[in-house]
Protein backbone atom coordinates (compact mmCIF):
# COMPACT_ATOMS: atom_id res chain seq x y z
CA MET A 1 -30.55 6.47 6.03
CA LEU A 2 -28.11 8.06 8.45
CA MET A 3 -28.31 4.98 10.68
CA GLY A 4 -27.17 2.77 7.79
CA THR A 5 -24.19 5.02 7.15
CA MET A 6 -23.25 5.03 10.82
CA ALA A 7 -23.55 1.26 11.03
CA PHE A 8 -21.25 0.86 8.04
CA ALA A 9 -18.73 3.26 9.54
CA GLN A 10 -18.70 1.26 12.76
CA GLU A 11 -18.21 -2.03 10.89
CA SER A 12 -15.22 -0.72 8.95
CA LYS A 13 -12.15 -0.73 11.15
CA GLN A 14 -9.82 0.42 8.40
CA ASN A 15 -7.33 3.16 9.21
CA ASP A 16 -7.07 5.11 5.97
CA MET A 17 -3.74 6.89 6.02
CA GLY A 18 -4.07 8.29 2.50
CA GLY A 19 -0.91 9.62 0.93
CA ILE A 20 2.20 9.86 3.08
CA SER A 21 5.55 11.34 2.16
CA PRO A 22 8.40 9.09 1.04
CA GLU A 23 10.20 9.87 4.31
CA GLN A 24 7.16 8.97 6.42
CA ALA A 25 6.67 5.83 4.32
CA LEU A 26 10.25 4.73 4.93
CA GLU A 27 9.80 4.99 8.69
CA TYR A 28 6.41 3.30 8.48
CA MET A 29 7.89 0.38 6.53
CA LYS A 30 10.65 -0.03 9.10
CA THR A 31 8.26 -0.13 12.05
CA THR A 32 5.13 -1.90 10.82
CA GLU A 33 4.86 -5.64 11.38
CA ASN A 34 3.38 -7.88 8.66
CA LEU A 35 3.31 -4.97 6.22
CA VAL A 36 2.34 -5.70 2.63
CA ILE A 37 4.14 -3.42 0.22
CA LEU A 38 2.13 -3.34 -2.99
CA ASP A 39 3.82 -2.15 -6.18
CA VAL A 40 1.25 -1.07 -8.79
CA ARG A 41 3.59 -0.04 -11.62
CA GLU A 42 3.35 -1.64 -15.03
CA PRO A 43 6.23 -4.10 -15.63
CA GLN A 44 7.99 -1.86 -18.17
CA TYR A 45 8.40 0.85 -15.51
CA ILE A 46 10.04 -1.34 -12.89
CA ASN A 47 13.78 -0.92 -12.72
CA THR A 48 14.04 -1.28 -8.94
CA TYR A 49 11.58 -2.31 -6.26
CA PHE A 50 11.14 -2.85 -2.55
CA GLU A 51 12.45 -6.26 -1.50
CA GLY A 52 9.54 -8.51 -0.53
CA SER A 53 6.90 -6.39 -2.27
CA ILE A 54 4.07 -7.90 -4.25
CA ARG A 55 3.20 -6.59 -7.67
CA ILE A 56 -0.19 -6.03 -9.18
CA PRO A 57 -0.09 -3.55 -12.07
CA TRP A 58 -2.59 -0.73 -11.74
CA THR A 59 -4.32 -1.77 -14.99
CA GLN A 60 -5.11 -5.16 -13.40
CA MET A 61 -6.08 -3.90 -9.94
CA ALA A 62 -9.86 -3.97 -10.54
CA LYS A 63 -9.65 -7.70 -11.33
CA ARG A 64 -6.89 -8.73 -8.91
CA TYR A 65 -7.45 -6.74 -5.70
CA ASN A 66 -8.42 -9.94 -3.86
CA GLU A 67 -4.81 -11.14 -4.25
CA VAL A 68 -3.72 -8.65 -1.59
CA PRO A 69 -3.30 -10.60 1.69
CA LYS A 70 -6.15 -10.22 4.16
CA GLY A 71 -5.89 -8.67 7.60
CA ARG A 72 -2.49 -7.03 7.09
CA PRO A 73 -1.54 -3.35 6.71
CA VAL A 74 -0.90 -2.32 3.10
CA LEU A 75 1.31 0.44 1.71
CA ILE A 76 1.03 1.06 -2.03
CA ASN A 77 3.80 2.41 -4.20
CA CYS A 78 4.31 3.37 -7.80
CA GLY A 79 7.20 5.33 -9.26
CA LEU A 80 6.25 8.92 -8.48
CA GLY A 81 3.01 8.75 -6.52
CA GLN A 82 0.75 9.36 -9.51
CA VAL A 83 -0.83 5.91 -10.01
CA ALA A 84 -0.79 4.71 -6.39
CA PRO A 85 -3.74 6.93 -5.35
CA ARG A 86 -5.97 5.14 -7.88
CA ALA A 87 -5.01 1.74 -6.50
CA TYR A 88 -5.55 3.10 -2.99
CA GLU A 89 -9.12 4.12 -3.87
CA THR A 90 -9.80 0.67 -5.37
CA LEU A 91 -8.60 -1.11 -2.23
CA LYS A 92 -10.31 1.34 0.09
CA LYS A 93 -13.61 0.70 -1.66
CA ASN A 94 -13.31 -3.07 -2.10
CA ARG A 95 -11.18 -4.32 0.79
CA PRO A 96 -12.49 -3.16 4.18
CA ASP A 97 -10.61 -6.11 5.73
CA ILE A 98 -7.30 -4.27 5.31
CA PRO A 99 -6.69 -2.77 8.77
CA GLU A 100 -4.39 0.04 7.64
CA LEU A 101 -4.09 1.39 4.11
CA GLY A 102 -1.94 4.11 2.58
CA TYR A 103 0.22 5.01 -0.38
CA ILE A 104 3.53 6.74 -0.97
CA ALA A 105 2.84 10.25 -2.29
CA GLY A 106 6.09 10.81 -4.17
CA ALA A 107 9.21 8.96 -5.28
CA PRO A 108 9.69 5.86 -3.07
CA LYS A 109 12.97 5.39 -1.22
CA PHE A 110 13.75 1.96 -2.68
CA ARG A 111 17.50 2.00 -2.04
CA GLU A 112 17.19 3.27 1.53
CA TYR A 113 14.63 0.63 2.50
CA ASN A 114 16.40 -2.23 0.75
CA ASN A 115 19.72 -1.27 2.39
CA TRP A 116 18.01 -1.09 5.80
CA LEU A 117 16.37 -4.48 5.22
CA LYS A 118 19.69 -6.01 4.23
CA GLU A 119 21.25 -4.73 7.47
CA GLN A 120 18.39 -6.26 9.50
CA LYS A 121 19.13 -9.69 8.04
CA LYS A 122 22.77 -9.67 9.15
């Protein structure tokens, strides 16, 4: 039985970052190529968002997790870091093809990232 577990661990090449602080997440978003930012808030709770993010509400994650692009690092956000861990666990369990997976453990820095992104496009 141990052999099976070890074989599975070797097959999975996912780097599970777990929860990272909003400050760490901001730096990670600035330096990670092909990053998918996944917003899992319900529509009624979205008043701002990360530019370029994709949205799959947490309540639909179990049915829609295959919509997350394959082979790209994924950083999950919600509003305060309370729902994102649940989405993280769903993706961790069902999407071993995601090479790097984490979530923002706290209030995301939407304005700071969007301002930085705007400056990069100039």
